[in-house]
C-alpha atoms as a PDB file:
ATOM      1  CA  MET A   1      38.428  85.593  -8.891  1.00  0.00           C
ATOM      2  CA  ASP A   2      41.866  86.511 -10.637  1.00  0.00           C
ATOM      3  CA  LEU A   3      43.795  87.891  -8.042  1.00  0.00           C
ATOM      4  CA  SER A   4      44.109  88.019  -3.786  1.00  0.00           C
ATOM      5  CA  VAL A   5      45.377  90.695  -2.605  1.00  0.00           C
ATOM      6  CA  VAL A   6      46.988  89.774   1.515  1.00  0.00           C
ATOM      7  CA  VAL A   7      47.677  92.173   3.795  1.00  0.00           C
ATOM      8  CA  PRO A   8      49.107  91.247   7.270  1.00  0.00           C
ATOM      9  CA  ILE A   9      47.693  94.308   9.802  1.00  0.00           C
ATOM     10  CA  TYR A  10      49.090  94.813  13.418  1.00  0.00           C
ATOM     11  CA  ASN A  11      47.839  98.086  15.580  1.00  0.00           C
ATOM     12  CA  GLU A  12      48.128  99.729  12.225  1.00  0.00           C
ATOM     13  CA  GLU A  13      44.316 101.528  12.936  1.00  0.00           C
ATOM     14  CA  GLU A  14      46.001 105.007  11.389  1.00  0.00           C
ATOM     15  CA  ASN A  15      46.389 103.002   7.964  1.00  0.00           C
ATOM     16  CA  ILE A  16      43.867 100.820   7.457  1.00  0.00           C
ATOM     17  CA  PRO A  17      41.538 103.460   5.809  1.00  0.00           C
ATOM     18  CA  VAL A  18      44.026 105.192   3.834  1.00  0.00           C
ATOM     19  CA  LEU A  19      45.685 101.560   2.623  1.00  0.00           C
ATOM     20  CA  TYR A  20      42.328 100.257   1.850  1.00  0.00           C
ATOM     21  CA  GLN A  21      41.482 103.193  -0.643  1.00  0.00           C
ATOM     22  CA  ARG A  22      45.348 102.975  -1.787  1.00  0.00           C
ATOM     23  CA  VAL A  23      44.267  99.530  -2.720  1.00  0.00           C
ATOM     24  CA  THR A  24      40.761 100.750  -4.233  1.00  0.00           C
ATOM     25  CA  ASP A  25      42.345 103.507  -6.017  1.00  0.00           C
ATOM     26  CA  ALA A  26      45.348 100.934  -7.797  1.00  0.00           C
ATOM     27  CA  LEU A  27      42.872  98.119  -8.803  1.00  0.00           C
ATOM     28  CA  ALA A  28      39.632 100.706 -10.638  1.00  0.00           C
ATOM     29  CA  PRO A  29      41.110 101.581 -13.733  1.00  0.00           C
ATOM     30  CA  THR A  30      42.240  97.712 -15.231  1.00  0.00           C
ATOM     31  CA  THR A  31      39.718  94.603 -15.660  1.00  0.00           C
ATOM     32  CA  ILE A  32      41.293  92.655 -12.083  1.00  0.00           C
ATOM     33  CA  ASP A  33      38.262  91.265 -10.475  1.00  0.00           C
ATOM     34  CA  TYR A  34      40.069  90.743  -6.679  1.00  0.00           C
ATOM     35  CA  GLU A  35      40.162  90.638  -2.830  1.00  0.00           C
ATOM     36  CA  LEU A  36      41.773  92.475  -0.533  1.00  0.00           C
ATOM     37  CA  ILE A  37      42.091  89.272   2.610  1.00  0.00           C
ATOM     38  CA  LEU A  38      43.261  91.537   5.765  1.00  0.00           C
ATOM     39  CA  VAL A  39      44.363  89.776   8.277  1.00  0.00           C
ATOM     40  CA  ASP A  40      44.512  91.540  12.079  1.00  0.00           C
ATOM     41  CA  ASP A  41      47.380  89.629  13.702  1.00  0.00           C
ATOM     42  CA  GLY A  42      46.154  90.429  18.027  1.00  0.00           C
ATOM     43  CA  SER A  43      46.070  93.874  17.268  1.00  0.00           C
ATOM     44  CA  ALA A  44      46.123  95.320  20.794  1.00  0.00           C
ATOM     45  CA  ASP A  45      44.617  98.879  19.047  1.00  0.00           C
ATOM     46  CA  ASN A  46      41.263  99.655  17.042  1.00  0.00           C
ATOM     47  CA  SER A  47      42.416  98.125  14.188  1.00  0.00           C
ATOM     48  CA  PHE A  48      39.895  95.212  13.728  1.00  0.00           C
ATOM     49  CA  ALA A  49      36.764  98.249  14.249  1.00  0.00           C
ATOM     50  CA  GLN A  50      39.120 100.056  10.836  1.00  0.00           C
ATOM     51  CA  LEU A  51      38.648  96.295   9.524  1.00  0.00           C
ATOM     52  CA  LYS A  52      34.782  95.417  10.376  1.00  0.00           C
ATOM     53  CA  LEU A  53      33.997  98.589   9.067  1.00  0.00           C
ATOM     54  CA  LEU A  54      35.785  98.339   6.042  1.00  0.00           C
ATOM     55  CA  ALA A  55      34.227  94.917   5.493  1.00  0.00           C
ATOM     56  CA  ALA A  56      30.412  96.216   6.036  1.00  0.00           C
ATOM     57  CA  LYS A  57      30.960  98.300   3.385  1.00  0.00           C
ATOM     58  CA  ASP A  58      33.347  96.542   0.772  1.00  0.00           C
ATOM     59  CA  LYS A  59      32.431  92.780  -0.159  1.00  0.00           C
ATOM     60  CA  ARG A  60      35.435  91.811  -1.489  1.00  0.00           C
ATOM     61  CA  VAL A  61      36.785  93.119   1.900  1.00  0.00           C
ATOM     62  CA  LYS A  62      37.404  90.028   3.866  1.00  0.00           C
ATOM     63  CA  VAL A  63      39.410  89.727   7.313  1.00  0.00           C
ATOM     64  CA  ILE A  64      40.337  87.199   9.189  1.00  0.00           C
ATOM     65  CA  ARG A  65      40.933  88.352  13.401  1.00  0.00           C
ATOM     66  CA  PHE A  66      43.971  85.929  15.431  1.00  0.00           C
ATOM     67  CA  ARG A  67      43.241  85.490  18.438  1.00  0.00           C
ATOM     68  CA  ARG A  68      46.555  87.101  19.794  1.00  0.00           C
ATOM     69  CA  ASN A  69      50.305  88.500  18.106  1.00  0.00           C
ATOM     70  CA  PHE A  70      51.452  84.907  16.363  1.00  0.00           C
ATOM     71  CA  GLY A  71      53.126  86.522  13.972  1.00  0.00           C
ATOM     72  CA  GLN A  72      53.720  87.666  10.625  1.00  0.00           C
ATOM     73  CA  THR A  73      54.468  84.764   8.992  1.00  0.00           C
ATOM     74  CA  ALA A  74      51.906  83.012  10.804  1.00  0.00           C
ATOM     75  CA  ALA A  75      49.152  86.108   9.261  1.00  0.00           C
ATOM     76  CA  MET A  76      50.665  85.913   5.628  1.00  0.00           C
ATOM     77  CA  SER A  77      50.105  82.086   5.466  1.00  0.00           C
ATOM     78  CA  ALA A  78      46.167  82.061   6.751  1.00  0.00           C
ATOM     79  CA  GLY A  79      45.735  84.615   3.966  1.00  0.00           C
ATOM     80  CA  PHE A  80      47.380  82.670   1.310  1.00  0.00           C
ATOM     81  CA  ASP A  81      44.786  79.809   3.010  1.00  0.00           C
ATOM     82  CA  CYS A  82      42.192  81.834   2.595  1.00  0.00           C
ATOM     83  CA  ALA A  83      42.630  82.723  -0.676  1.00  0.00           C
ATOM     84  CA  THR A  84      40.483  82.298  -3.966  1.00  0.00           C
ATOM     85  CA  GLY A  85      42.604  84.123  -6.701  1.00  0.00           C
ATOM     86  CA  HIS A  86      44.239  82.835  -9.102  1.00  0.00           C
ATOM     87  CA  VAL A  87      47.282  85.201  -7.759  1.00  0.00           C
ATOM     88  CA  VAL A  88      48.624  86.375  -5.152  1.00  0.00           C
ATOM     89  CA  VAL A  89      50.022  88.814  -3.641  1.00  0.00           C
ATOM     90  CA  PRO A  90      50.509  89.964   0.289  1.00  0.00           C
ATOM     91  CA  MET A  91      52.211  93.085   1.077  1.00  0.00           C
ATOM     92  CA  ASP A  92      52.485  95.493   3.867  1.00  0.00           C
ATOM     93  CA  GLY A  93      49.761  97.296   6.207  1.00  0.00           C
ATOM     94  CA  ASP A  94      52.572 100.299   6.258  1.00  0.00           C
ATOM     95  CA  LEU A  95      52.387 102.195   3.428  1.00  0.00           C
ATOM     96  CA  GLN A  96      55.497 101.188   3.046  1.00  0.00           C
ATOM     97  CA  ASN A  97      54.604  99.191  -0.251  1.00  0.00           C
ATOM     98  CA  ASP A  98      52.363 100.926  -3.225  1.00  0.00           C
ATOM     99  CA  PRO A  99      49.020  99.408  -4.409  1.00  0.00           C
ATOM    100  CA  LEU A 100      50.262 101.042  -8.019  1.00  0.00           C
ATOM    101  CA  ASP A 101      53.161  98.332  -8.012  1.00  0.00           C
ATOM    102  CA  ILE A 102      50.654  95.615  -7.969  1.00  0.00           C
ATOM    103  CA  PRO A 103      49.445  95.500 -11.970  1.00  0.00           C
ATOM    104  CA  LEU A 104      53.017  96.115 -13.068  1.00  0.00           C
ATOM    105  CA  LEU A 105      54.048  92.380 -10.698  1.00  0.00           C
ATOM    106  CA  LEU A 106      50.705  91.333 -12.898  1.00  0.00           C
ATOM    107  CA  ASP A 107      52.249  92.281 -15.951  1.00  0.00           C
ATOM    108  CA  ARG A 108      55.497  90.856 -15.506  1.00  0.00           C
ATOM    109  CA  MET A 109      54.079  88.011 -14.630  1.00  0.00           C
ATOM    110  CA  HIS A 110      53.054  87.087 -17.961  1.00  0.00           C
ATOM    111  CA  ASP A 111      55.742  86.038 -19.315  1.00  0.00           C
ATOM    112  CA  GLY A 112      55.542  83.211 -18.218  1.00  0.00           C
ATOM    113  CA  PHE A 113      56.888  83.907 -14.322  1.00  0.00           C
ATOM    114  CA  ASP A 114      55.698  82.156 -11.539  1.00  0.00           C
ATOM    115  CA  VAL A 115      56.489  84.048  -8.489  1.00  0.00           C
ATOM    116  CA  VAL A 116      57.411  87.925  -9.248  1.00  0.00           C
ATOM    117  CA  SER A 117      59.824  89.419  -6.242  1.00  0.00           C
ATOM    118  CA  GLY A 118      59.664  92.954  -5.020  1.00  0.00           C
ATOM    119  CA  TRP A 119      63.373  94.542  -5.351  1.00  0.00           C
ATOM    120  CA  ARG A 120      63.114  97.756  -3.138  1.00  0.00           C
ATOM    121  CA  LYS A 121      65.589  99.485  -5.157  1.00  0.00           C
ATOM    122  CA  ASP A 122      65.559 103.327  -3.357  1.00  0.00           C
ATOM    123  CA  ARG A 123      64.410 102.205   0.053  1.00  0.00           C
ATOM    124  CA  LYS A 124      63.797 104.544   2.172  1.00  0.00           C
ATOM    125  CA  ASP A 125      64.904 103.802   5.521  1.00  0.00           C
ATOM    126  CA  THR A 126      68.672 104.465   7.328  1.00  0.00           C
ATOM    127  CA  PHE A 127      70.980 103.282   6.303  1.00  0.00           C
ATOM    128  CA  ILE A 128      72.886 101.789   9.307  1.00  0.00           C
ATOM    129  CA  ASN A 129      69.864 100.322  11.263  1.00  0.00           C
ATOM    130  CA  ARG A 130      67.645  98.906   7.939  1.00  0.00           C
ATOM    131  CA  ARG A 131      70.138  98.770   4.650  1.00  0.00           C
ATOM    132  CA  LEU A 132      72.996  97.690   5.109  1.00  0.00           C
ATOM    133  CA  PRO A 133      72.537  94.321   7.149  1.00  0.00           C
ATOM    134  CA  SER A 134      69.423  93.651   4.430  1.00  0.00           C
ATOM    135  CA  ILE A 135      72.286  94.668   1.544  1.00  0.00           C
ATOM    136  CA  LEU A 136      74.363  92.139   3.703  1.00  0.00           C
ATOM    137  CA  ALA A 137      71.228  89.689   4.652  1.00  0.00           C
ATOM    138  CA  ASN A 138      70.390  89.547   0.698  1.00  0.00           C
ATOM    139  CA  GLY A 139      73.492  88.474  -0.401  1.00  0.00           C
ATOM    140  CA  PHE A 140      74.766  85.759   2.408  1.00  0.00           C
ATOM    141  CA  ILE A 141      70.259  84.328   2.005  1.00  0.00           C
ATOM    142  CA  SER A 142      71.070  84.108  -2.122  1.00  0.00           C
ATOM    143  CA  HIS A 143      74.319  82.031  -1.778  1.00  0.00           C
ATOM    144  CA  MET A 144      73.375  80.207   0.398  1.00  0.00           C
ATOM    145  CA  THR A 145      69.196  79.350  -1.156  1.00  0.00           C
ATOM    146  CA  GLY A 146      70.919  80.016  -4.618  1.00  0.00           C
ATOM    147  CA  VAL A 147      67.825  81.918  -5.750  1.00  0.00           C
ATOM    148  CA  HIS A 148      69.548  85.339  -6.536  1.00  0.00           C
ATOM    149  CA  LEU A 149      67.304  88.653  -4.934  1.00  0.00           C
ATOM    150  CA  HIS A 150      68.305  92.388  -4.269  1.00  0.00           C
ATOM    151  CA  ASP A 151      65.692  91.887  -1.787  1.00  0.00           C
ATOM    152  CA  TYR A 152      64.353  88.704   0.090  1.00  0.00           C
ATOM    153  CA  GLY A 153      62.958  90.785   2.558  1.00  0.00           C
ATOM    154  CA  CYS A 154      59.784  93.104   0.858  1.00  0.00           C
ATOM    155  CA  THR A 155      56.784  91.008   1.414  1.00  0.00           C
ATOM    156  CA  LEU A 156      55.029  93.192  -1.998  1.00  0.00           C
ATOM    157  CA  LYS A 157      55.347  90.051  -4.203  1.00  0.00           C
ATOM    158  CA  ALA A 158      53.431  88.034  -6.640  1.00  0.00           C
ATOM    159  CA  TYR A 159      52.897  83.927  -6.398  1.00  0.00           C
ATOM    160  CA  ARG A 160      50.784  81.816  -8.951  1.00  0.00           C
ATOM    161  CA  ARG A 161      48.530  80.528  -6.259  1.00  0.00           C
ATOM    162  CA  GLU A 162      49.350  76.797  -7.453  1.00  0.00           C
ATOM    163  CA  VAL A 163      52.988  76.976  -6.157  1.00  0.00           C
ATOM    164  CA  LEU A 164      51.861  78.577  -2.234  1.00  0.00           C
ATOM    165  CA  GLU A 165      49.697  75.611  -2.254  1.00  0.00           C
ATOM    166  CA  ASP A 166      53.606  73.753  -2.224  1.00  0.00           C
ATOM    167  CA  VAL A 167      55.070  75.786   0.698  1.00  0.00           C
ATOM    168  CA  ASN A 168      54.154  75.700   4.489  1.00  0.00           C
ATOM    169  CA  LEU A 169      55.569  78.268   6.257  1.00  0.00           C
ATOM    170  CA  TYR A 170      56.510  78.463   9.955  1.00  0.00           C
ATOM    171  CA  GLY A 171      59.319  80.909  12.058  1.00  0.00           C
ATOM    172  CA  GLU A 172      60.063  83.920   9.778  1.00  0.00           C
ATOM    173  CA  MET A 173      59.892  81.433   6.313  1.00  0.00           C
ATOM    174  CA  HIS A 174      57.454  84.346   4.892  1.00  0.00           C
ATOM    175  CA  ARG A 175      60.931  85.871   3.266  1.00  0.00           C
ATOM    176  CA  PHE A 176      61.945  82.608   1.422  1.00  0.00           C
ATOM    177  CA  VAL A 177      58.630  81.767   0.133  1.00  0.00           C
ATOM    178  CA  PRO A 178      60.916  82.832  -3.576  1.00  0.00           C
ATOM    179  CA  ALA A 179      63.513  80.220  -2.350  1.00  0.00           C
ATOM    180  CA  LEU A 180      61.081  77.031  -1.460  1.00  0.00           C
ATOM    181  CA  ALA A 181      58.621  77.905  -4.310  1.00  0.00           C
ATOM    182  CA  HIS A 182      61.825  77.595  -6.367  1.00  0.00           C
ATOM    183  CA  GLN A 183      62.627  74.442  -5.307  1.00  0.00           C
ATOM    184  CA  VAL A 184      59.579  72.819  -6.237  1.00  0.00           C
ATOM    185  CA  GLY A 185      60.007  74.466 -10.297  1.00  0.00           C
ATOM    186  CA  ALA A 186      58.588  77.717 -10.661  1.00  0.00           C
ATOM    187  CA  LYS A 187      60.404  80.283 -12.640  1.00  0.00           C
ATOM    188  CA  VAL A 188      61.326  82.992 -10.520  1.00  0.00           C
ATOM    189  CA  THR A 189      62.461  86.781 -11.103  1.00  0.00           C
ATOM    190  CA  GLU A 190      62.164  90.049  -9.737  1.00  0.00           C
ATOM    191  CA  MET A 191      61.187  93.662 -10.730  1.00  0.00           C
ATOM    192  CA  PRO A 192      61.905  97.356  -9.053  1.00  0.00           C
ATOM    193  CA  VAL A 193      58.818  98.547  -6.804  1.00  0.00           C
ATOM    194  CA  ARG A 194      58.282 101.381  -5.087  1.00  0.00           C
ATOM    195  CA  HIS A 195      58.957 102.676  -1.249  1.00  0.00           C
ATOM    196  CA  HIS A 196      57.978 105.255   1.125  1.00  0.00           C
ATOM    197  CA  GLU A 197      58.219 106.691   4.151  1.00  0.00           C
ATOM    198  CA  ARG A 198      55.718 105.115   6.959  1.00  0.00           C
ATOM    199  CA  LEU A 199      53.062 108.126   7.178  1.00  0.00           C
ATOM    200  CA  HIS A 200      52.198 106.377  11.257  1.00  0.00           C
ATOM    201  CA  GLY A 201      53.449 104.601  13.827  1.00  0.00           C
ATOM    202  CA  GLN A 202      56.722 102.233  13.743  1.00  0.00           C
ATOM    203  CA  SER A 203      58.010  99.161  12.023  1.00  0.00           C
ATOM    204  CA  LYS A 204      56.272  96.292  14.455  1.00  0.00           C
ATOM    205  CA  TYR A 205      59.372  94.004  12.322  1.00  0.00           C
ATOM    206  CA  GLY A 206      62.907  95.266  13.257  1.00  0.00           C
ATOM    207  CA  ILE A 207      66.435  94.184  13.329  1.00  0.00           C
ATOM    208  CA  SER A 208      65.303  92.260  16.422  1.00  0.00           C
ATOM    209  CA  ARG A 209      64.512  88.825  14.262  1.00  0.00           C
ATOM    210  CA  THR A 210      67.928  88.595  12.867  1.00  0.00           C
ATOM    211  CA  THR A 211      68.669  85.631  14.651  1.00  0.00           C
ATOM    212  CA  ARG A 212      65.495  83.851  14.078  1.00  0.00           C
ATOM    213  CA  VAL A 213      66.129  84.952  10.656  1.00  0.00           C
ATOM    214  CA  ILE A 214      69.567  83.301  10.483  1.00  0.00           C
ATOM    215  CA  LEU A 215      68.288  79.736  12.273  1.00  0.00           C
ATOM    216  CA  ASP A 216      65.455  79.704  10.013  1.00  0.00           C
ATOM    217  CA  LEU A 217      67.444  80.409   6.435  1.00  0.00           C
ATOM    218  CA  LEU A 218      69.299  77.301   8.168  1.00  0.00           C
ATOM    219  CA  THR A 219      66.209  75.550   7.904  1.00  0.00           C
ATOM    220  CA  VAL A 220      65.606  75.984   4.465  1.00  0.00           C
ATOM    221  CA  LYS A 221      69.078  75.735   3.094  1.00  0.00           C
ATOM    222  CA  PHE A 222      68.326  71.710   4.487  1.00  0.00           C
ATOM    223  CA  LEU A 223      65.132  71.989   3.000  1.00  0.00           C
ATOM    224  CA  LEU A 224      66.234  72.779  -0.339  1.00  0.00           C
ATOM    225  CA  SER A 225      69.470  70.510  -0.333  1.00  0.00           C
ATOM    226  CA  TYR A 226      69.225  67.101   1.781  1.00  0.00           C
ATOM    227  CA  SER A 227      65.168  67.243   2.637  1.00  0.00           C
ATOM    228  CA  THR A 228      65.019  63.649   0.856  1.00  0.00           C
ATOM    229  CA  LYS A 229      68.514  62.499   1.647  1.00  0.00           C
ATOM    230  CA  PRO A 230      69.775  63.704   4.858  1.00  0.00           C
ATOM    231  CA  ILE A 231      72.029  61.074   5.247  1.00  0.00           C
ATOM    232  CA  GLN A 232      74.007  62.580   2.349  1.00  0.00           C
ATOM    233  CA  LEU A 233      74.997  65.379   4.712  1.00  0.00           C
ATOM    234  CA  PHE A 234      74.773  63.678   8.464  1.00  0.00           C
ATOM    235  CA  GLY A 235      76.388  60.526   6.434  1.00  0.00           C
ATOM    236  CA  ARG A 236      79.398  62.718   5.368  1.00  0.00           C
ATOM    237  CA  TRP A 237      80.267  64.773   8.514  1.00  0.00           C
ATOM    238  CA  GLY A 238      80.360  61.580   9.447  1.00  0.00           C
ATOM    239  CA  ILE A 239      82.546  59.580   7.548  1.00  0.00           C
ATOM    240  CA  TYR A 240      85.393  63.359   7.333  1.00  0.00           C
ATOM    241  CA  THR A 241      85.277  62.843  11.911  1.00  0.00           C
ATOM    242  CA  PHE A 242      85.887  59.385  11.615  1.00  0.00           C
ATOM    243  CA  GLY A 243      88.662  59.987   9.287  1.00  0.00           C
ATOM    244  CA  ALA A 244      89.956  62.345  11.062  1.00  0.00           C
ATOM    245  CA  GLY A 245      89.528  60.100  13.977  1.00  0.00           C
ATOM    246  CA  PHE A 246      91.728  57.399  12.756  1.00  0.00           C
ATOM    247  CA  ALA A 247      94.586  59.739  12.015  1.00  0.00           C
ATOM    248  CA  THR A 248      94.649  61.320  15.772  1.00  0.00           C
ATOM    249  CA  GLY A 249      95.084  57.590  16.115  1.00  0.00           C
ATOM    250  CA  LEU A 250      96.999  56.503  14.315  1.00  0.00           C
ATOM    251  CA  VAL A 251      99.893  59.261  15.523  1.00  0.00           C
ATOM    252  CA  THR A 252      98.988  58.777  19.143  1.00  0.00           C
ATOM    253  CA  MET A 253     100.571  55.342  17.980  1.00  0.00           C
ATOM    254  CA  TYR A 254     103.273  56.390  16.467  1.00  0.00           C
ATOM    255  CA  MET A 255     103.844  59.008  19.040  1.00  0.00           C
ATOM    256  CA  LYS A 256     103.555  55.552  21.334  1.00  0.00           C
ATOM    257  CA  PHE A 257     106.262  53.156  19.728  1.00  0.00           C
ATOM    258  CA  PHE A 258     109.073  55.275  18.130  1.00  0.00           C
ATOM    259  CA  GLU A 259     109.010  58.762  20.017  1.00  0.00           C
ATOM    260  CA  HIS A 260     107.984  56.743  24.181  1.00  0.00           C
ATOM    261  CA  VAL A 261     105.477  58.901  25.470  1.00  0.00           C
ATOM    262  CA  ASN A 262     102.591  57.248  27.276  1.00  0.00           C
ATOM    263  CA  MET A 263      98.913  57.341  25.446  1.00  0.00           C
ATOM    264  CA  ASN A 264      97.446  58.575  28.669  1.00  0.00           C
ATOM    265  CA  ARG A 265      98.999  61.460  28.934  1.00  0.00           C
ATOM    266  CA  ASN A 266      98.622  62.061  25.476  1.00  0.00           C
ATOM    267  CA  PRO A 267      96.151  64.974  24.579  1.00  0.00           C
ATOM    268  CA  LEU A 268      95.294  63.281  20.365  1.00  0.00           C
ATOM    269  CA  LEU A 269      94.106  59.802  22.417  1.00  0.00           C
ATOM    270  CA  ILE A 270      91.050  62.391  24.309  1.00  0.00           C
ATOM    271  CA  LEU A 271      90.554  63.471  20.655  1.00  0.00           C
ATOM    272  CA  THR A 272      90.835  60.350  19.005  1.00  0.00           C
ATOM    273  CA  ALA A 273      88.075  59.070  20.772  1.00  0.00           C
ATOM    274  CA  PHE A 274      85.439  62.006  20.752  1.00  0.00           C
ATOM    275  CA  LEU A 275      85.924  62.182  17.246  1.00  0.00           C
ATOM    276  CA  LEU A 276      85.993  58.641  16.270  1.00  0.00           C
ATOM    277  CA  PHE A 277      82.224  58.931  18.872  1.00  0.00           C
ATOM    278  CA  MET A 278      81.304  61.752  16.481  1.00  0.00           C
ATOM    279  CA  GLY A 279      81.093  60.301  13.337  1.00  0.00           C
ATOM    280  CA  VAL A 280      79.362  57.425  14.920  1.00  0.00           C
ATOM    281  CA  GLN A 281      76.848  60.250  16.194  1.00  0.00           C
ATOM    282  CA  PHE A 282      76.995  62.123  12.687  1.00  0.00           C
ATOM    283  CA  LEU A 283      76.399  58.602  10.427  1.00  0.00           C
ATOM    284  CA  VAL A 284      72.643  57.371  13.317  1.00  0.00           C
ATOM    285  CA  LEU A 285      71.742  61.310  12.748  1.00  0.00           C
ATOM    286  CA  GLY A 286      72.105  60.320   9.183  1.00  0.00           C
ATOM    287  CA  LEU A 287      70.036  57.305   9.540  1.00  0.00           C
ATOM    288  CA  LEU A 288      68.005  58.374  11.446  1.00  0.00           C
ATOM    289  CA  GLY A 289      66.887  61.624   8.814  1.00  0.00           C
ATOM    290  CA  GLU A 290      66.369  58.852   6.104  1.00  0.00           C
ATOM    291  CA  LEU A 291      63.878  56.942   8.292  1.00  0.00           C
ATOM    292  CA  THR A 292      62.174  60.281   9.405  1.00  0.00           C
ATOM    293  CA  ALA A 293      62.066  61.460   5.403  1.00  0.00           C
ATOM    294  CA  ARG A 294      60.598  58.131   4.201  1.00  0.00           C
ATOM    295  CA  THR A 295      57.963  58.408   7.139  1.00  0.00           C
ATOM    296  CA  TYR A 296      56.574  62.585   6.576  1.00  0.00           C
ATOM    297  CA  TYR A 297      56.715  61.032   2.738  1.00  0.00           C
ATOM    298  CA  GLU A 298      55.244  58.086   2.523  1.00  0.00           C
ATOM    299  CA  ALA A 299      52.810  58.296   5.887  1.00  0.00           C
ATOM    300  CA  GLN A 300      51.218  61.812   3.903  1.00  0.00           C
ATOM    301  CA  GLY A 301      51.620  60.554  -0.147  1.00  0.00           C
ATOM    302  CA  LYS A 302      53.479  63.429  -0.672  1.00  0.00           C
ATOM    303  CA  GLN A 303      55.929  62.866  -2.998  1.00  0.00           C
ATOM    304  CA  ILE A 304      58.928  64.320  -3.827  1.00  0.00           C
ATOM    305  CA  TYR A 305      58.877  65.778  -6.984  1.00  0.00           C
ATOM    306  CA  ASN A 306      56.417  68.135  -8.628  1.00  0.00           C
ATOM    307  CA  VAL A 307      54.336  67.992 -11.441  1.00  0.00           C
ATOM    308  CA  LYS A 308      53.596  70.897 -13.615  1.00  0.00           C
ATOM    309  CA  GLU A 309      51.025  69.666 -15.960  1.00  0.00           C
ATOM    310  CA  LYS A 310      50.479  65.965 -17.865  1.00  0.00           C
ATOM    311  CA  ILE A 311      48.582  65.557 -21.050  1.00  0.00           C
ATOM    312  CA  ASN A 312      46.341  62.974 -22.016  1.00  0.00           C
ATOM    313  CA  PHE A 313      46.204  61.235 -18.630  1.00  0.00           C
ATOM    314  CA  VAL A 314      42.553  59.407 -17.656  1.00  0.00           C
END
């Protein structure tokens, strides 16, 4: 199988027939052997009935149905797990992504890239509550992860399947897959893609997810920089706070002996105790993190590196 197209579906009964037709029309002129994986994320409308009809008439259509709504990340993860194509392309089910861009993404991969991320350069959404927060968020995410993309939120991307095998998705982390893939050595690029106004229904995933995205970004930053060396993060802050506590302790002693300020009336004494305690806490947390990291990698036989290929090994 050359290609797996993965589409999360949540209450999109009006869009499903059009989506199927557009994907078919986009890939029919090519010689690409593909499958269309549609993941019903616990829809409450007639989406699953529509999906069953498509699967019955076209064997390239494969349907996964969740028992309840688990969210977009879970739906994409299920599609990735079941994909058999050499390249996996996720896209939204609301028709705002254009399947005509799929062959273009695949052509871009021929230049040696493992991940090609779509960029909705001419985005058809409102500026204040959709585009402006997206611009700010993408700049922040790029700075935090070190992988500079204009549009992390664009679902339309192309991944080599072997890259996805090393990426586990939780929370809202589907948007951070390019950064996680870059961590294991994938070559990442982006290209402009089309973006259309929604024809039917309304967006199921809006600005309300901002808090969850920020928290997941902190997780991704930790995974990218410190997952194999947590002591370098917590130990550093432990040394800083312990040093600050030692400094305030010296000031407290100076004020006691040279300015005759009683220590029990000096608030710096409380600050000194607090900083010294926090310094010890950070150091202990770092050591516990080191134990956890070793358990995670060694118990599961995971490696802290990723090999692209081997030559002349038996």
